[in-house]
Amino acid sequence: TLSLKQTLKKGPIVLYFFPAAFTTGCTIEAHLF
C-alpha cells in the first residue's frame, strides 16, 4: 500500500501519471525512468 504522505517523509517524489501499463509509450517511459 503506497501512501503519498508516508513516501514524502523520505524526500521529494517524482510522481508520474501514465495512461496504461504495457502500452507502447508507457513502456518506453517506464524504461527511461
Full PDB file with SEQRES, HELIX, SHEET, SSBOND, CRYST1, ORIGX, SCALE, CONECT and MASTER records, all heavy atoms in Angstrom:
SEQRES   1 A   33  THR LEU SER LEU LYS GLN THR LEU LYS LYS GLY PRO ILE          
SEQRES   2 A   33  VAL LEU TYR PHE PHE PRO ALA ALA PHE THR THR GLY CYS          
SEQRES   3 A   33  THR ILE GLU ALA HIS LEU PHE                                  
HELIX    1 AA1 LEU A    4  LEU A    8  1                                   5    
HELIX    2 AA2 THR A   24  LEU A   32  1                                   9    
CRYST1    1.000    1.000    1.000  90.00  90.00  90.00 P 1           1          
ORIGX1      1.000000  0.000000  0.000000        0.00000                         
ORIGX2      0.000000  1.000000  0.000000        0.00000                         
ORIGX3      0.000000  0.000000  1.000000        0.00000                         
SCALE1      1.000000  0.000000  0.000000        0.00000                         
SCALE2      0.000000  1.000000  0.000000        0.00000                         
SCALE3      0.000000  0.000000  1.000000        0.00000                         
ATOM      1  N   THR A   1       0.859  -1.180   0.000  1.00  0.00           N  
ATOM      2  CA  THR A   1       0.000   0.000   0.000  1.00  0.00           C  
ATOM      3  C   THR A   1       0.893   1.226   0.000  1.00  0.00           C  
ATOM      4  O   THR A   1       1.749   1.372   0.880  1.00  0.00           O  
ATOM      5  CB  THR A   1      -0.924  -0.003   1.238  1.00  0.00           C  
ATOM      6  OG1 THR A   1      -1.701  -1.204   1.201  1.00  0.00           O  
ATOM      7  CG2 THR A   1      -1.850   1.200   1.224  1.00  0.00           C  
ATOM      8  N   LEU A   2       0.695   2.095  -0.989  1.00  0.00           N  
ATOM      9  CA  LEU A   2       1.516   3.296  -1.120  1.00  0.00           C  
ATOM     10  C   LEU A   2       0.728   4.508  -0.636  1.00  0.00           C  
ATOM     11  O   LEU A   2      -0.380   4.756  -1.098  1.00  0.00           O  
ATOM     12  CB  LEU A   2       1.913   3.502  -2.585  1.00  0.00           C  
ATOM     13  CG  LEU A   2       2.845   4.684  -2.822  1.00  0.00           C  
ATOM     14  CD1 LEU A   2       3.978   4.276  -3.743  1.00  0.00           C  
ATOM     15  CD2 LEU A   2       2.113   5.876  -3.383  1.00  0.00           C  
ATOM     16  N   SER A   3       1.312   5.232   0.297  1.00  0.00           N  
ATOM     17  CA  SER A   3       0.725   6.467   0.809  1.00  0.00           C  
ATOM     18  C   SER A   3       1.640   7.611   0.384  1.00  0.00           C  
ATOM     19  O   SER A   3       2.847   7.575   0.662  1.00  0.00           O  
ATOM     20  CB  SER A   3       0.640   6.409   2.335  1.00  0.00           C  
ATOM     21  OG  SER A   3       0.622   7.703   2.894  1.00  0.00           O  
ATOM     22  N   LEU A   4       1.092   8.619  -0.283  1.00  0.00           N  
ATOM     23  CA  LEU A   4       1.903   9.766  -0.687  1.00  0.00           C  
ATOM     24  C   LEU A   4       2.516  10.432   0.539  1.00  0.00           C  
ATOM     25  O   LEU A   4       3.719  10.696   0.577  1.00  0.00           O  
ATOM     26  CB  LEU A   4       1.066  10.774  -1.475  1.00  0.00           C  
ATOM     27  CG  LEU A   4       1.852  12.030  -1.912  1.00  0.00           C  
ATOM     28  CD1 LEU A   4       2.891  11.683  -2.969  1.00  0.00           C  
ATOM     29  CD2 LEU A   4       0.911  13.111  -2.417  1.00  0.00           C  
ATOM     30  N   LYS A   5       1.698  10.673   1.542  1.00  0.00           N  
ATOM     31  CA  LYS A   5       2.160  11.348   2.762  1.00  0.00           C  
ATOM     32  C   LYS A   5       3.349  10.617   3.395  1.00  0.00           C  
ATOM     33  O   LYS A   5       4.346  11.234   3.756  1.00  0.00           O  
ATOM     34  CB  LYS A   5       0.991  11.440   3.750  1.00  0.00           C  
ATOM     35  CG  LYS A   5       1.246  12.288   4.951  1.00  0.00           C  
ATOM     36  CD  LYS A   5      -0.024  12.368   5.789  1.00  0.00           C  
ATOM     37  CE  LYS A   5       0.183  13.200   7.021  1.00  0.00           C  
ATOM     38  NZ  LYS A   5      -1.057  13.273   7.815  1.00  0.00           N  
ATOM     39  N   GLN A   6       3.251   9.294   3.507  1.00  0.00           N  
ATOM     40  CA  GLN A   6       4.339   8.491   4.097  1.00  0.00           C  
ATOM     41  C   GLN A   6       5.589   8.528   3.228  1.00  0.00           C  
ATOM     42  O   GLN A   6       6.702   8.635   3.722  1.00  0.00           O  
ATOM     43  CB  GLN A   6       3.887   7.047   4.317  1.00  0.00           C  
ATOM     44  CG  GLN A   6       2.843   6.882   5.386  1.00  0.00           C  
ATOM     45  CD  GLN A   6       3.334   7.349   6.747  1.00  0.00           C  
ATOM     46  OE1 GLN A   6       3.053   8.472   7.162  1.00  0.00           O  
ATOM     47  NE2 GLN A   6       4.075   6.523   7.427  1.00  0.00           N  
ATOM     48  N   THR A   7       5.412   8.428   1.918  1.00  0.00           N  
ATOM     49  CA  THR A   7       6.543   8.406   0.996  1.00  0.00           C  
ATOM     50  C   THR A   7       7.268   9.751   0.994  1.00  0.00           C  
ATOM     51  O   THR A   7       8.498   9.796   0.900  1.00  0.00           O  
ATOM     52  CB  THR A   7       6.085   8.021  -0.421  1.00  0.00           C  
ATOM     53  OG1 THR A   7       5.343   6.793  -0.338  1.00  0.00           O  
ATOM     54  CG2 THR A   7       7.248   7.791  -1.366  1.00  0.00           C  
ATOM     55  N   LEU A   8       6.538  10.848   1.134  1.00  0.00           N  
ATOM     56  CA  LEU A   8       7.155  12.185   1.157  1.00  0.00           C  
ATOM     57  C   LEU A   8       8.046  12.394   2.382  1.00  0.00           C  
ATOM     58  O   LEU A   8       8.934  13.240   2.359  1.00  0.00           O  
ATOM     59  CB  LEU A   8       6.077  13.276   1.107  1.00  0.00           C  
ATOM     60  CG  LEU A   8       5.463  13.535  -0.263  1.00  0.00           C  
ATOM     61  CD1 LEU A   8       4.268  14.472  -0.151  1.00  0.00           C  
ATOM     62  CD2 LEU A   8       6.491  14.086  -1.237  1.00  0.00           C  
ATOM     63  N   LYS A   9       7.847  11.615   3.437  1.00  0.00           N  
ATOM     64  CA  LYS A   9       8.692  11.721   4.632  1.00  0.00           C  
ATOM     65  C   LYS A   9      10.138  11.344   4.314  1.00  0.00           C  
ATOM     66  O   LYS A   9      11.060  11.717   5.037  1.00  0.00           O  
ATOM     67  CB  LYS A   9       8.153  10.834   5.758  1.00  0.00           C  
ATOM     68  CG  LYS A   9       6.865  11.366   6.345  1.00  0.00           C  
ATOM     69  CD  LYS A   9       6.342  10.470   7.444  1.00  0.00           C  
ATOM     70  CE  LYS A   9       5.053  11.038   8.012  1.00  0.00           C  
ATOM     71  NZ  LYS A   9       4.497  10.203   9.072  1.00  0.00           N  
ATOM     72  N   LYS A  10      10.334  10.592   3.222  1.00  0.00           N  
ATOM     73  CA  LYS A  10      11.676  10.138   2.835  1.00  0.00           C  
ATOM     74  C   LYS A  10      12.363  11.107   1.876  1.00  0.00           C  
ATOM     75  O   LYS A  10      13.515  10.925   1.531  1.00  0.00           O  
ATOM     76  CB  LYS A  10      11.584   8.757   2.175  1.00  0.00           C  
ATOM     77  CG  LYS A  10      10.997   7.702   3.072  1.00  0.00           C  
ATOM     78  CD  LYS A  10      10.754   6.412   2.319  1.00  0.00           C  
ATOM     79  CE  LYS A  10       9.925   5.456   3.150  1.00  0.00           C  
ATOM     80  NZ  LYS A  10       9.366   4.383   2.352  1.00  0.00           N  
ATOM     81  N   GLY A  11      11.637  12.129   1.379  1.00  0.00           N  
ATOM     82  CA  GLY A  11      12.213  13.081   0.430  1.00  0.00           C  
ATOM     83  C   GLY A  11      11.250  13.379  -0.698  1.00  0.00           C  
ATOM     84  O   GLY A  11      10.111  12.909  -0.693  1.00  0.00           O  
ATOM     85  N   PRO A  12      11.707  14.157  -1.690  1.00  0.00           N  
ATOM     86  CA  PRO A  12      10.819  14.517  -2.797  1.00  0.00           C  
ATOM     87  C   PRO A  12      10.416  13.296  -3.631  1.00  0.00           C  
ATOM     88  O   PRO A  12      11.114  12.281  -3.629  1.00  0.00           O  
ATOM     89  CB  PRO A  12      11.650  15.494  -3.631  1.00  0.00           C  
ATOM     90  CG  PRO A  12      13.051  15.273  -3.237  1.00  0.00           C  
ATOM     91  CD  PRO A  12      13.046  14.706  -1.852  1.00  0.00           C  
ATOM     92  N   ILE A  13       9.289  13.459  -4.325  1.00  0.00           N  
ATOM     93  CA  ILE A  13       8.775  12.367  -5.159  1.00  0.00           C  
ATOM     94  C   ILE A  13       8.604  12.858  -6.583  1.00  0.00           C  
ATOM     95  O   ILE A  13       8.097  13.957  -6.819  1.00  0.00           O  
ATOM     96  CB  ILE A  13       7.422  11.864  -4.638  1.00  0.00           C  
ATOM     97  CG1 ILE A  13       7.597  11.213  -3.271  1.00  0.00           C  
ATOM     98  CG2 ILE A  13       6.787  10.869  -5.618  1.00  0.00           C  
ATOM     99  CD1 ILE A  13       6.315  10.712  -2.675  1.00  0.00           C  
ATOM    100  N   VAL A  14       9.032  12.016  -7.513  1.00  0.00           N  
ATOM    101  CA  VAL A  14       8.712  12.211  -8.922  1.00  0.00           C  
ATOM    102  C   VAL A  14       7.488  11.330  -9.143  1.00  0.00           C  
ATOM    103  O   VAL A  14       7.585  10.110  -9.152  1.00  0.00           O  
ATOM    104  CB  VAL A  14       9.883  11.774  -9.837  1.00  0.00           C  
ATOM    105  CG1 VAL A  14       9.467  11.865 -11.298  1.00  0.00           C  
ATOM    106  CG2 VAL A  14      11.119  12.611  -9.553  1.00  0.00           C  
ATOM    107  N   LEU A  15       6.335  11.968  -9.233  1.00  0.00           N  
ATOM    108  CA  LEU A  15       5.073  11.265  -9.391  1.00  0.00           C  
ATOM    109  C   LEU A  15       4.649  11.410 -10.843  1.00  0.00           C  
ATOM    110  O   LEU A  15       4.398  12.508 -11.305  1.00  0.00           O  
ATOM    111  CB  LEU A  15       4.013  11.891  -8.475  1.00  0.00           C  
ATOM    112  CG  LEU A  15       2.615  11.284  -8.533  1.00  0.00           C  
ATOM    113  CD1 LEU A  15       2.611   9.874  -7.955  1.00  0.00           C  
ATOM    114  CD2 LEU A  15       1.638  12.170  -7.763  1.00  0.00           C  
ATOM    115  N   TYR A  16       4.640  10.296 -11.552  1.00  0.00           N  
ATOM    116  CA  TYR A  16       4.253  10.407 -12.963  1.00  0.00           C  
ATOM    117  C   TYR A  16       3.036   9.547 -13.256  1.00  0.00           C  
ATOM    118  O   TYR A  16       2.957   8.400 -12.860  1.00  0.00           O  
ATOM    119  CB  TYR A  16       5.433  10.128 -13.894  1.00  0.00           C  
ATOM    120  CG  TYR A  16       5.741   8.700 -14.231  1.00  0.00           C  
ATOM    121  CD1 TYR A  16       5.257   8.125 -15.407  1.00  0.00           C  
ATOM    122  CD2 TYR A  16       6.546   7.922 -13.410  1.00  0.00           C  
ATOM    123  CE1 TYR A  16       5.566   6.813 -15.748  1.00  0.00           C  
ATOM    124  CE2 TYR A  16       6.860   6.612 -13.738  1.00  0.00           C  
ATOM    125  CZ  TYR A  16       6.364   6.064 -14.910  1.00  0.00           C  
ATOM    126  OH  TYR A  16       6.659   4.765 -15.244  1.00  0.00           O  
ATOM    127  N   PHE A  17       2.069  10.186 -13.901  1.00  0.00           N  
ATOM    128  CA  PHE A  17       0.848   9.517 -14.330  1.00  0.00           C  
ATOM    129  C   PHE A  17       1.034   9.076 -15.768  1.00  0.00           C  
ATOM    130  O   PHE A  17       1.572   9.825 -16.586  1.00  0.00           O  
ATOM    131  CB  PHE A  17      -0.347  10.488 -14.252  1.00  0.00           C  
ATOM    132  CG  PHE A  17      -0.764  10.791 -12.842  1.00  0.00           C  
ATOM    133  CD1 PHE A  17      -0.151  11.797 -12.130  1.00  0.00           C  
ATOM    134  CD2 PHE A  17      -1.786  10.064 -12.237  1.00  0.00           C  
ATOM    135  CE1 PHE A  17      -0.536  12.094 -10.824  1.00  0.00           C  
ATOM    136  CE2 PHE A  17      -2.172  10.341 -10.937  1.00  0.00           C  
ATOM    137  CZ  PHE A  17      -1.548  11.359 -10.226  1.00  0.00           C  
ATOM    138  N   PHE A  18       0.603   7.852 -16.070  1.00  0.00           N  
ATOM    139  CA  PHE A  18       0.685   7.352 -17.440  1.00  0.00           C  
ATOM    140  C   PHE A  18      -0.598   6.613 -17.775  1.00  0.00           C  
ATOM    141  O   PHE A  18      -1.256   6.081 -16.891  1.00  0.00           O  
ATOM    142  CB  PHE A  18       1.939   6.486 -17.644  1.00  0.00           C  
ATOM    143  CG  PHE A  18       2.012   5.248 -16.795  1.00  0.00           C  
ATOM    144  CD1 PHE A  18       1.659   4.007 -17.314  1.00  0.00           C  
ATOM    145  CD2 PHE A  18       2.480   5.307 -15.491  1.00  0.00           C  
ATOM    146  CE1 PHE A  18       1.752   2.854 -16.546  1.00  0.00           C  
ATOM    147  CE2 PHE A  18       2.583   4.156 -14.715  1.00  0.00           C  
ATOM    148  CZ  PHE A  18       2.213   2.927 -15.244  1.00  0.00           C  
ATOM    149  N   PRO A  19      -0.979   6.614 -19.065  1.00  0.00           N  
ATOM    150  CA  PRO A  19      -2.286   6.065 -19.454  1.00  0.00           C  
ATOM    151  C   PRO A  19      -2.517   4.597 -19.101  1.00  0.00           C  
ATOM    152  O   PRO A  19      -3.520   4.280 -18.476  1.00  0.00           O  
ATOM    153  CB  PRO A  19      -2.342   6.287 -20.963  1.00  0.00           C  
ATOM    154  CG  PRO A  19      -1.438   7.458 -21.195  1.00  0.00           C  
ATOM    155  CD  PRO A  19      -0.337   7.303 -20.186  1.00  0.00           C  
ATOM    156  N   ALA A  20      -1.617   3.685 -19.491  1.00  0.00           N  
ATOM    157  CA  ALA A  20      -1.891   2.266 -19.258  1.00  0.00           C  
ATOM    158  C   ALA A  20      -0.622   1.427 -19.327  1.00  0.00           C  
ATOM    159  O   ALA A  20       0.196   1.589 -20.232  1.00  0.00           O  
ATOM    160  CB  ALA A  20      -2.899   1.744 -20.278  1.00  0.00           C  
ATOM    161  N   ALA A  21      -0.491   0.524 -18.363  1.00  0.00           N  
ATOM    162  CA  ALA A  21       0.641  -0.399 -18.341  1.00  0.00           C  
ATOM    163  C   ALA A  21       0.660  -1.242 -19.612  1.00  0.00           C  
ATOM    164  O   ALA A  21      -0.385  -1.635 -20.129  1.00  0.00           O  
ATOM    165  CB  ALA A  21       0.542  -1.312 -17.116  1.00  0.00           C  
ATOM    166  N   PHE A  22       1.841  -1.477 -20.118  1.00  0.00           N  
ATOM    167  CA  PHE A  22       2.099  -2.330 -21.282  1.00  0.00           C  
ATOM    168  C   PHE A  22       1.632  -1.747 -22.610  1.00  0.00           C  
ATOM    169  O   PHE A  22       1.504  -2.468 -23.585  1.00  0.00           O  
ATOM    170  CB  PHE A  22       1.559  -3.750 -21.086  1.00  0.00           C  
ATOM    171  CG  PHE A  22       2.256  -4.489 -19.977  1.00  0.00           C  
ATOM    172  CD1 PHE A  22       1.637  -4.678 -18.753  1.00  0.00           C  
ATOM    173  CD2 PHE A  22       3.547  -4.960 -20.154  1.00  0.00           C  
ATOM    174  CE1 PHE A  22       2.291  -5.347 -17.720  1.00  0.00           C  
ATOM    175  CE2 PHE A  22       4.197  -5.627 -19.124  1.00  0.00           C  
ATOM    176  CZ  PHE A  22       3.576  -5.819 -17.910  1.00  0.00           C  
ATOM    177  N   THR A  23       1.394  -0.449 -22.682  1.00  0.00           N  
ATOM    178  CA  THR A  23       1.179   0.186 -23.977  1.00  0.00           C  
ATOM    179  C   THR A  23       2.532   0.751 -24.416  1.00  0.00           C  
ATOM    180  O   THR A  23       3.438   0.920 -23.593  1.00  0.00           O  
ATOM    181  CB  THR A  23       0.101   1.285 -23.917  1.00  0.00           C  
ATOM    182  OG1 THR A  23       0.473   2.244 -22.941  1.00  0.00           O  
ATOM    183  CG2 THR A  23      -1.266   0.698 -23.612  1.00  0.00           C  
ATOM    184  N   THR A  24       2.689   1.032 -25.669  1.00  0.00           N  
ATOM    185  CA  THR A  24       3.997   1.392 -26.229  1.00  0.00           C  
ATOM    186  C   THR A  24       4.662   2.572 -25.535  1.00  0.00           C  
ATOM    187  O   THR A  24       5.783   2.461 -25.023  1.00  0.00           O  
ATOM    188  CB  THR A  24       3.871   1.663 -27.743  1.00  0.00           C  
ATOM    189  OG1 THR A  24       3.270   0.516 -28.341  1.00  0.00           O  
ATOM    190  CG2 THR A  24       5.218   1.896 -28.387  1.00  0.00           C  
ATOM    191  N   GLY A  25       3.994   3.725 -25.510  1.00  0.00           N  
ATOM    192  CA  GLY A  25       4.591   4.919 -24.902  1.00  0.00           C  
ATOM    193  C   GLY A  25       4.850   4.745 -23.420  1.00  0.00           C  
ATOM    194  O   GLY A  25       5.867   5.220 -22.891  1.00  0.00           O  
ATOM    195  N   CYS A  26       3.954   4.061 -22.736  1.00  0.00           N  
ATOM    196  CA  CYS A  26       4.093   3.863 -21.296  1.00  0.00           C  
ATOM    197  C   CYS A  26       5.244   2.918 -20.968  1.00  0.00           C  
ATOM    198  O   CYS A  26       5.924   3.085 -19.950  1.00  0.00           O  
ATOM    199  CB  CYS A  26       2.778   3.358 -20.716  1.00  0.00           C  
ATOM    200  SG  CYS A  26       1.437   4.534 -20.982  1.00  0.00           S  
ATOM    201  N   THR A  27       5.469   1.955 -21.822  1.00  0.00           N  
ATOM    202  CA  THR A  27       6.601   1.048 -21.635  1.00  0.00           C  
ATOM    203  C   THR A  27       7.917   1.800 -21.859  1.00  0.00           C  
ATOM    204  O   THR A  27       8.857   1.662 -21.076  1.00  0.00           O  
ATOM    205  CB  THR A  27       6.471  -0.166 -22.578  1.00  0.00           C  
ATOM    206  OG1 THR A  27       5.289  -0.890 -22.205  1.00  0.00           O  
ATOM    207  CG2 THR A  27       7.680  -1.073 -22.504  1.00  0.00           C  
ATOM    208  N   ILE A  28       7.961   2.625 -22.893  1.00  0.00           N  
ATOM    209  CA  ILE A  28       9.165   3.441 -23.145  1.00  0.00           C  
ATOM    210  C   ILE A  28       9.436   4.335 -21.939  1.00  0.00           C  
ATOM    211  O   ILE A  28      10.564   4.417 -21.449  1.00  0.00           O  
ATOM    212  CB  ILE A  28       8.985   4.295 -24.427  1.00  0.00           C  
ATOM    213  CG1 ILE A  28       8.995   3.400 -25.660  1.00  0.00           C  
ATOM    214  CG2 ILE A  28      10.057   5.383 -24.524  1.00  0.00           C  
ATOM    215  CD1 ILE A  28       8.530   4.083 -26.944  1.00  0.00           C  
ATOM    216  N   GLU A  29       8.397   5.001 -21.441  1.00  0.00           N  
ATOM    217  CA  GLU A  29       8.570   5.902 -20.300  1.00  0.00           C  
ATOM    218  C   GLU A  29       9.048   5.143 -19.062  1.00  0.00           C  
ATOM    219  O   GLU A  29       9.931   5.614 -18.344  1.00  0.00           O  
ATOM    220  CB  GLU A  29       7.255   6.623 -20.005  1.00  0.00           C  
ATOM    221  CG  GLU A  29       7.387   7.715 -18.968  1.00  0.00           C  
ATOM    222  CD  GLU A  29       6.110   8.516 -18.795  1.00  0.00           C  
ATOM    223  OE1 GLU A  29       5.007   7.963 -19.019  1.00  0.00           O  
ATOM    224  OE2 GLU A  29       6.224   9.688 -18.434  1.00  0.00           O  
ATOM    225  N   ALA A  30       8.493   3.974 -18.811  1.00  0.00           N  
ATOM    226  CA  ALA A  30       8.921   3.160 -17.663  1.00  0.00           C  
ATOM    227  C   ALA A  30      10.397   2.791 -17.783  1.00  0.00           C  
ATOM    228  O   ALA A  30      11.143   2.853 -16.806  1.00  0.00           O  
ATOM    229  CB  ALA A  30       8.063   1.906 -17.546  1.00  0.00           C  
ATOM    230  N   HIS A  31      10.825   2.416 -18.981  1.00  0.00           N  
ATOM    231  CA  HIS A  31      12.237   2.073 -19.194  1.00  0.00           C  
ATOM    232  C   HIS A  31      13.125   3.283 -18.906  1.00  0.00           C  
ATOM    233  O   HIS A  31      14.172   3.160 -18.265  1.00  0.00           O  
ATOM    234  CB  HIS A  31      12.474   1.598 -20.625  1.00  0.00           C  
ATOM    235  CG  HIS A  31      11.863   0.259 -20.930  1.00  0.00           C  
ATOM    236  ND1 HIS A  31      11.872  -0.281 -22.193  1.00  0.00           N  
ATOM    237  CD2 HIS A  31      11.223  -0.639 -20.150  1.00  0.00           C  
ATOM    238  CE1 HIS A  31      11.269  -1.456 -22.174  1.00  0.00           C  
ATOM    239  NE2 HIS A  31      10.866  -1.692 -20.949  1.00  0.00           N  
ATOM    240  N   LEU A  32      12.712   4.463 -19.397  1.00  0.00           N  
ATOM    241  CA  LEU A  32      13.507   5.682 -19.189  1.00  0.00           C  
ATOM    242  C   LEU A  32      13.584   6.047 -17.708  1.00  0.00           C  
ATOM    243  O   LEU A  32      14.660   6.398 -17.202  1.00  0.00           O  
ATOM    244  CB  LEU A  32      12.922   6.842 -20.004  1.00  0.00           C  
ATOM    245  CG  LEU A  32      13.014   6.695 -21.524  1.00  0.00           C  
ATOM    246  CD1 LEU A  32      12.186   7.777 -22.221  1.00  0.00           C  
ATOM    247  CD2 LEU A  32      14.463   6.744 -21.998  1.00  0.00           C  
ATOM    248  N   PHE A  33      12.467   5.954 -16.995  1.00  0.00           N  
ATOM    249  CA  PHE A  33      12.501   6.233 -15.557  1.00  0.00           C  
ATOM    250  C   PHE A  33      13.324   5.185 -14.814  1.00  0.00           C  
ATOM    251  O   PHE A  33      14.035   5.514 -13.866  1.00  0.00           O  
ATOM    252  CB  PHE A  33      11.090   6.338 -14.962  1.00  0.00           C  
ATOM    253  CG  PHE A  33      10.525   7.735 -14.994  1.00  0.00           C  
ATOM    254  CD1 PHE A  33       9.387   8.023 -15.734  1.00  0.00           C  
ATOM    255  CD2 PHE A  33      11.124   8.772 -14.290  1.00  0.00           C  
ATOM    256  CE1 PHE A  33       8.861   9.310 -15.772  1.00  0.00           C  
ATOM    257  CE2 PHE A  33      10.612  10.064 -14.320  1.00  0.00           C  
ATOM    258  CZ  PHE A  33       9.475  10.339 -15.060  1.00  0.00           C  
TER     259      PHE A  33                                                      
MASTER        0    0    0    2    0    0    0    6  258    1    0    3          
END                                                                             
